[in-house]
Protein backbone atom coordinates (compact mmCIF):
# COMPACT_ATOMS: atom_id res chain seq x y z
CA UNK A 1 37.76 113.21 41.76
CA UNK A 2 34.49 115.09 43.76
CA UNK A 3 34.83 118.63 45.45
CA UNK A 4 34.62 118.26 48.94
CA UNK A 5 32.98 121.67 50.30
CA UNK A 6 32.79 122.97 53.45
CA UNK A 7 29.59 121.51 54.14
CA UNK A 8 30.73 118.11 53.53
CA UNK A 9 34.10 119.00 56.03
CA UNK A 10 31.78 119.74 58.71
CA UNK A 11 29.69 116.92 58.22
CA UNK A 12 32.45 114.43 58.14
CA UNK A 13 34.22 116.33 61.60
CA UNK A 14 30.65 115.45 63.23
CA UNK A 15 30.63 112.17 62.10
CA UNK A 16 34.44 111.58 63.40
CA UNK A 17 33.69 113.57 66.68
CA UNK A 18 30.72 111.10 67.31
CA UNK A 19 32.34 108.19 66.39
CA UNK A 20 35.27 108.94 67.97
CA UNK A 21 34.88 111.42 70.67
CA UNK A 22 36.55 114.43 71.56
CA UNK A 23 39.32 112.80 73.48
CA UNK A 24 40.27 110.77 71.09
CA UNK A 25 40.43 112.83 68.12
CA UNK A 26 43.83 114.61 68.73
CA UNK A 27 45.50 111.27 69.38
CA UNK A 28 44.26 109.68 66.16
CA UNK A 29 45.36 113.32 63.92
CA UNK A 30 48.91 112.46 66.06
CA UNK A 31 48.94 108.95 64.89
CA UNK A 32 48.09 109.88 61.49
CA UNK A 33 50.73 112.58 61.26
CA UNK A 34 53.48 110.25 62.29
CA UNK A 35 52.41 107.29 60.48
CA UNK A 36 52.41 110.08 57.22
CA UNK A 37 55.89 110.52 58.34
CA UNK A 38 57.53 107.79 58.75
CA UNK A 39 55.83 106.82 55.41
CA UNK A 40 57.71 110.17 53.91
CA UNK A 41 60.96 108.92 55.62
CA UNK A 42 60.94 105.33 54.38
CA UNK A 43 59.99 106.27 51.02
CA UNK A 44 62.89 108.86 50.86
CA UNK A 45 65.07 106.40 52.78
CA UNK A 46 64.48 103.72 49.49
CA UNK A 47 65.76 106.43 47.28
CA UNK A 48 68.81 107.09 49.31
CA UNK A 49 69.42 103.50 49.54
CA UNK A 50 69.07 102.83 45.62
CA UNK A 51 71.66 105.53 45.31
CA UNK A 52 73.99 103.74 47.83
CA UNK A 53 74.02 100.56 46.45
CA UNK A 54 75.10 101.99 42.94
CA UNK A 55 78.06 103.58 45.34
CA UNK A 56 78.99 100.47 46.56
CA UNK A 57 79.01 98.67 43.24
CA UNK A 58 81.33 100.69 41.67
CA UNK A 59 83.28 100.81 44.65
CA UNK A 60 83.35 96.98 44.28
CA UNK A 61 84.29 97.09 40.66
CA UNK A 62 87.20 99.51 41.19
CA UNK A 63 88.63 97.13 44.15
CA UNK A 64 88.67 94.26 41.35
CA UNK A 65 91.00 96.27 39.33
């Protein structure tokens, strides 16, 4: 993966400001942060659901006996 230095970061920020405008950047950053948070919650929720499914299956097998 290529290394990104200070100069490249400044160039990327400048292009973003020119493309989106200074008023839209905070809103854009917030929406990206919310999306990342929802993605992490969703991925963590999938792990929890798998554990819950196993417990439900075990409970069902206990009820059959």
